[in-house]
């Protein structure tokens, strides 16, 4: 298996695990607010990452001078992206957000192909287009109208590919676990402040009821899936990986059907076809 193929496989598994996030959130958000759910999920991941780094005697990587700038930029941009999404959701719907965040593919293509030196080749370019189109078909709500919240989410989509550049660069000096431990450690104080400002007070009973789903989220989505994403960045272009994000709603549809009994609509099923076709094409080797 080539490095490129390995990166694509990692991206597939990442998308499958990320597809569980909305399912876990259905149960978690019945008990706690969105910010607290996110905060405690990444706290679980942070404990796992710091524990792993301590056990493997690699805690010093957090202070590696070669990666310091890239780690700081990663933490800054990831936090900025989250704040923009959160503020956007105060004015728009989750459906609109799901559609617009896929636009990170457009920004990645603009930054790294039209303006940069990445070259996908014809088949991967067609594949990326099909995946983006299919992802939008799957998640687009029946009534879609643009508002100021959508513009904030669009700004978050524009930030995402740049954050991935710094994550990719940091990974050349330190492990994926170090990158994630650093960015989560920086994010937690920001989330605590936002939760205190915007969320209702949290009760102990609600937290205990949500705890199993928070742990699942922290382990599967915010630990394992994020490691796979950063490892995929080592072997695959950011534009290709931005397209692979379109697989996430496809897996969410599958899990929602299997776990929640929510049957996909004919339109959503139709959207899966270009996503799968595009994922096959995007794995083709770039030419030229």
Protein backbone atom coordinates (compact mmCIF):
# COMPACT_ATOMS: atom_id res chain seq x y z
CA UNK A 1 0.00 0.00 0.00
CA UNK A 2 1.42 3.39 -1.00
CA UNK A 3 1.51 6.36 1.36
CA UNK A 4 -1.22 8.05 -0.72
CA UNK A 5 -3.48 4.99 -0.38
CA UNK A 6 -2.74 4.81 3.34
CA UNK A 7 -3.81 8.43 3.72
CA UNK A 8 -7.08 7.75 1.90
CA UNK A 9 -7.79 4.72 4.11
CA UNK A 10 -7.15 6.82 7.21
CA UNK A 11 -9.54 9.45 5.84
CA UNK A 12 -12.27 6.83 5.29
CA UNK A 13 -11.98 5.56 8.87
CA UNK A 14 -11.85 9.15 10.13
CA UNK A 15 -15.08 9.96 8.27
CA UNK A 16 -16.77 6.85 9.67
CA UNK A 17 -15.88 7.78 13.25
CA UNK A 18 -16.81 11.45 12.70
CA UNK A 19 -20.15 10.22 11.34
CA UNK A 20 -20.93 9.00 14.86
CA UNK A 21 -20.58 12.49 16.32
CA UNK A 22 -24.15 13.68 15.52
CA UNK A 23 -25.52 10.37 16.85
CA UNK A 24 -23.69 10.73 20.16
CA UNK A 25 -24.76 14.38 20.25
CA UNK A 26 -28.45 13.44 20.04
CA UNK A 27 -28.12 11.70 23.41
CA UNK A 28 -25.62 14.13 24.96
CA UNK A 29 -27.51 17.33 24.13
CA UNK A 30 -30.62 16.02 25.85
CA UNK A 31 -28.74 16.56 29.11
CA UNK A 32 -26.13 19.30 28.61
CA UNK A 33 -25.57 22.30 26.35
CA UNK A 34 -23.52 22.10 23.18
CA UNK A 35 -20.52 23.96 24.59
CA UNK A 36 -20.35 21.81 27.70
CA UNK A 37 -20.69 18.67 25.56
CA UNK A 38 -17.78 19.77 23.39
CA UNK A 39 -15.74 20.93 26.39
CA UNK A 40 -16.02 17.66 28.31
CA UNK A 41 -15.45 15.56 25.18
CA UNK A 42 -12.14 17.23 24.40
CA UNK A 43 -11.24 17.10 28.12
CA UNK A 44 -11.55 13.30 27.91
CA UNK A 45 -9.34 13.35 24.82
CA UNK A 46 -6.82 15.67 26.50
CA UNK A 47 -6.46 13.33 29.48
CA UNK A 48 -5.88 10.40 27.11
CA UNK A 49 -3.30 12.30 25.05
CA UNK A 50 -1.40 13.63 28.05
CA UNK A 51 -1.50 10.22 29.69
CA UNK A 52 -0.15 8.59 26.54
CA UNK A 53 2.62 11.17 26.15
CA UNK A 54 3.57 10.72 29.81
CA UNK A 55 3.59 6.91 29.52
CA UNK A 56 5.72 6.99 26.36
CA UNK A 57 8.01 9.67 27.85
CA UNK A 58 7.25 12.10 25.04
CA UNK A 59 5.69 14.88 27.10
CA UNK A 60 8.67 17.04 26.15
CA UNK A 61 7.33 17.19 22.58
CA UNK A 62 4.81 19.78 23.78
CA UNK A 63 7.74 22.17 24.17
CA UNK A 64 9.62 21.28 20.98
CA UNK A 65 10.96 24.59 19.66
CA UNK A 66 10.79 23.39 16.04
CA UNK A 67 7.02 22.85 16.28
CA UNK A 68 6.18 25.71 18.65
CA UNK A 69 4.97 28.19 16.04
CA UNK A 70 2.94 25.58 14.13
CA UNK A 71 1.39 24.23 17.33
CA UNK A 72 0.39 27.73 18.45
CA UNK A 73 -1.08 28.57 15.04
CA UNK A 74 -2.98 25.28 14.99
CA UNK A 75 -4.50 25.98 18.40
CA UNK A 76 -5.32 29.58 17.45
CA UNK A 77 -6.99 28.70 14.15
CA UNK A 78 -8.89 25.67 15.46
CA UNK A 79 -10.27 27.80 18.30
CA UNK A 80 -11.13 30.60 15.87
CA UNK A 81 -12.92 28.13 13.61
CA UNK A 82 -14.96 26.77 16.50
CA UNK A 83 -15.90 30.24 17.79
CA UNK A 84 -17.04 31.27 14.30
CA UNK A 85 -19.19 28.12 13.99
CA UNK A 86 -20.66 28.63 17.45
CA UNK A 87 -21.48 32.28 16.81
CA UNK A 88 -22.89 31.36 13.41
CA UNK A 89 -25.20 28.76 14.93
CA UNK A 90 -26.79 31.48 17.03
CA UNK A 91 -28.19 32.96 13.80
CA UNK A 92 -28.50 30.00 11.44
CA UNK A 93 -29.60 26.35 11.48
CA UNK A 94 -27.53 23.20 11.89
CA UNK A 95 -28.67 22.21 8.39
CA UNK A 96 -27.25 25.37 6.86
CA UNK A 97 -24.05 24.90 8.84
CA UNK A 98 -23.62 21.33 7.55
CA UNK A 99 -23.89 22.53 3.96
CA UNK A 100 -21.61 25.55 4.31
CA UNK A 101 -18.82 23.80 6.20
CA UNK A 102 -18.34 21.50 3.19
CA UNK A 103 -17.26 24.65 1.36
CA UNK A 104 -13.84 24.17 2.96
CA UNK A 105 -13.20 22.04 -0.13
CA UNK A 106 -13.68 25.14 -2.32
CA UNK A 107 -11.27 27.17 -0.18
CA UNK A 108 -8.71 24.34 -0.13
CA UNK A 109 -8.83 24.14 -3.93
CA UNK A 110 -8.46 27.91 -4.18
CA UNK A 111 -5.56 28.14 -1.71
CA UNK A 112 -3.54 25.10 -2.74
CA UNK A 113 -4.39 24.46 -6.40
CA UNK A 114 -5.40 27.70 -8.10
CA UNK A 115 -3.08 29.91 -6.04
CA UNK A 116 -0.67 27.26 -4.74
CA UNK A 117 1.48 24.48 -6.15
CA UNK A 118 -0.71 21.42 -5.45
CA UNK A 119 -1.90 19.66 -8.60
CA UNK A 120 -4.63 17.06 -8.29
CA UNK A 121 -4.88 15.93 -11.88
CA UNK A 122 -8.10 15.49 -13.85
CA UNK A 123 -9.62 12.40 -12.18
CA UNK A 124 -8.98 13.50 -8.57
CA UNK A 125 -10.32 16.98 -9.42
CA UNK A 126 -13.53 15.47 -10.82
CA UNK A 127 -13.68 13.21 -7.75
CA UNK A 128 -13.35 16.16 -5.37
CA UNK A 129 -16.11 18.02 -7.25
CA UNK A 130 -18.42 14.99 -7.10
CA UNK A 131 -17.80 14.48 -3.39
CA UNK A 132 -18.50 18.12 -2.60
CA UNK A 133 -21.66 18.10 -4.71
CA UNK A 134 -22.88 14.83 -3.22
CA UNK A 135 -22.17 16.00 0.33
CA UNK A 136 -24.23 19.14 -0.24
CA UNK A 137 -27.11 17.09 -1.72
CA UNK A 138 -27.08 14.83 1.35
CA UNK A 139 -27.17 17.60 3.97
CA UNK A 140 -28.89 20.56 2.28
CA UNK A 141 -32.15 21.43 4.08
CA UNK A 142 -35.42 21.73 2.18
CA UNK A 143 -35.52 25.49 2.69
CA UNK A 144 -32.14 27.19 2.48
CA UNK A 145 -31.66 30.95 2.84
CA UNK A 146 -28.50 32.89 3.56
CA UNK A 147 -28.19 34.96 6.74
CA UNK A 148 -25.38 36.49 8.82
CA UNK A 149 -24.85 33.23 10.67
CA UNK A 150 -24.12 31.52 7.36
CA UNK A 151 -21.41 34.10 6.65
CA UNK A 152 -19.74 33.34 9.99
CA UNK A 153 -19.79 29.60 9.22
CA UNK A 154 -18.41 30.35 5.76
CA UNK A 155 -15.53 32.19 7.45
CA UNK A 156 -14.94 29.07 9.54
CA UNK A 157 -14.81 26.99 6.35
CA UNK A 158 -12.22 29.41 4.98
CA UNK A 159 -10.08 28.99 8.12
CA UNK A 160 -10.17 25.17 8.17
CA UNK A 161 -7.70 24.48 5.31
CA UNK A 162 -5.20 26.96 6.76
CA UNK A 163 -5.43 25.26 10.17
CA UNK A 164 -4.67 21.98 8.41
CA UNK A 165 -1.49 23.46 6.93
CA UNK A 166 -0.11 24.16 10.41
CA UNK A 167 -1.25 20.78 11.72
CA UNK A 168 0.52 19.09 8.83
CA UNK A 169 3.71 21.08 9.43
CA UNK A 170 3.66 20.44 13.18
CA UNK A 171 3.33 16.70 12.52
CA UNK A 172 6.72 16.70 10.79
CA UNK A 173 8.35 17.51 14.16
CA UNK A 174 6.07 15.93 16.78
CA UNK A 175 3.50 13.14 17.02
CA UNK A 176 -0.19 13.48 16.20
CA UNK A 177 -0.95 12.93 19.90
CA UNK A 178 1.24 15.92 20.77
CA UNK A 179 -0.50 18.17 18.23
CA UNK A 180 -3.90 17.21 19.61
CA UNK A 181 -2.86 17.41 23.26
CA UNK A 182 -1.54 20.93 22.67
CA UNK A 183 -4.55 22.22 20.78
CA UNK A 184 -7.03 20.69 23.28
CA UNK A 185 -5.15 22.11 26.27
CA UNK A 186 -5.32 25.58 24.73
CA UNK A 187 -8.97 25.16 23.73
CA UNK A 188 -10.31 24.19 27.17
CA UNK A 189 -9.96 27.64 28.84
CA UNK A 190 -11.60 29.26 25.80
CA UNK A 191 -14.50 26.81 25.96
CA UNK A 192 -14.88 27.27 29.70
CA UNK A 193 -15.26 31.01 29.17
CA UNK A 194 -17.75 30.58 26.31
CA UNK A 195 -19.77 28.01 28.27
CA UNK A 196 -19.90 30.32 31.29
CA UNK A 197 -21.06 33.22 29.10
CA UNK A 198 -23.61 31.45 26.91
CA UNK A 199 -24.76 28.17 28.49
CA UNK A 200 -27.25 27.51 31.27
CA UNK A 201 -25.81 26.32 34.61
CA UNK A 202 -24.88 22.63 34.52
CA UNK A 203 -26.36 20.21 37.07
CA UNK A 204 -24.48 17.18 38.38
CA UNK A 205 -27.38 14.85 37.52
CA UNK A 206 -27.44 16.02 33.89
CA UNK A 207 -23.70 15.58 33.56
CA UNK A 208 -23.82 12.03 34.97
CA UNK A 209 -26.60 11.08 32.52
CA UNK A 210 -24.59 12.45 29.61
CA UNK A 211 -21.25 11.02 30.77
CA UNK A 212 -21.32 7.71 28.81
CA UNK A 213 -21.93 9.57 25.54
CA UNK A 214 -19.32 12.20 26.40
CA UNK A 215 -16.75 9.44 26.98
CA UNK A 216 -17.64 7.74 23.69
CA UNK A 217 -17.33 11.08 21.91
CA UNK A 218 -14.02 11.82 23.60
CA UNK A 219 -12.49 8.42 22.81
CA UNK A 220 -13.81 7.66 19.31
CA UNK A 221 -14.31 11.11 17.77
CA UNK A 222 -11.95 13.49 19.56
CA UNK A 223 -9.12 11.00 20.08
CA UNK A 224 -9.03 8.20 17.52
CA UNK A 225 -10.66 10.10 14.62
CA UNK A 226 -8.48 13.18 15.10
CA UNK A 227 -5.30 11.08 15.18
CA UNK A 228 -6.32 9.48 11.90
CA UNK A 229 -6.99 12.91 10.37
CA UNK A 230 -3.56 14.25 11.27
CA UNK A 231 -1.88 11.05 10.08
CA UNK A 232 -3.81 11.31 6.81
CA UNK A 233 -2.47 14.86 6.41
CA UNK A 234 1.04 13.40 6.29
CA UNK A 235 0.31 11.37 3.17
CA UNK A 236 -2.49 13.17 1.31
CA UNK A 237 -3.05 16.68 0.01
CA UNK A 238 -5.25 19.00 2.04
CA UNK A 239 -7.56 19.47 -0.95
CA UNK A 240 -8.21 15.73 -1.19
CA UNK A 241 -8.83 15.45 2.53
CA UNK A 242 -11.18 18.44 2.43
CA UNK A 243 -13.20 16.52 -0.16
CA UNK A 244 -13.21 13.40 2.02
CA UNK A 245 -15.12 15.39 4.66
CA UNK A 246 -18.14 14.84 2.40
CA UNK A 247 -18.13 11.20 3.51
CA UNK A 248 -19.06 12.18 7.06
CA UNK A 249 -22.78 12.90 6.41
CA UNK A 250 -23.00 9.64 4.44
CA UNK A 251 -21.85 7.66 7.47
CA UNK A 252 -24.12 9.75 9.70
CA UNK A 253 -27.09 8.75 7.52
CA UNK A 254 -26.10 5.10 7.90
CA UNK A 255 -25.70 5.28 11.67
CA UNK A 256 -28.90 7.32 12.09
CA UNK A 257 -30.76 4.57 10.22
CA UNK A 258 -29.14 1.71 12.19
CA UNK A 259 -29.19 3.32 15.65
CA UNK A 260 -32.01 5.87 15.61
CA UNK A 261 -34.27 4.28 13.00
CA UNK A 262 -34.20 7.42 10.83
CA UNK A 263 -34.75 6.34 7.21
CA UNK A 264 -32.83 8.42 4.59
CA UNK A 265 -34.90 10.33 2.05
CA UNK A 266 -34.64 9.54 -1.68
CA UNK A 267 -32.73 12.81 -2.20
CA UNK A 268 -30.19 11.85 0.48
CA UNK A 269 -29.74 8.41 -1.06
CA UNK A 270 -29.18 10.05 -4.45
CA UNK A 271 -26.50 12.28 -2.93
CA UNK A 272 -24.55 9.25 -1.72
CA UNK A 273 -23.86 8.13 -5.32
CA UNK A 274 -21.58 11.04 -6.35
CA UNK A 275 -19.86 10.94 -2.94
CA UNK A 276 -18.89 7.28 -3.37
CA UNK A 277 -17.97 7.75 -7.04
CA UNK A 278 -15.88 10.79 -6.16
CA UNK A 279 -14.09 8.94 -3.35
CA UNK A 280 -12.95 6.33 -5.89
CA UNK A 281 -11.68 8.96 -8.35
CA UNK A 282 -9.97 11.04 -5.70
CA UNK A 283 -7.75 8.10 -4.82
CA UNK A 284 -6.26 8.15 -8.30
CA UNK A 285 -2.69 9.38 -8.56
CA UNK A 286 -2.33 12.99 -9.65
CA UNK A 287 -0.73 13.53 -13.03
CA UNK A 288 1.60 16.36 -13.93
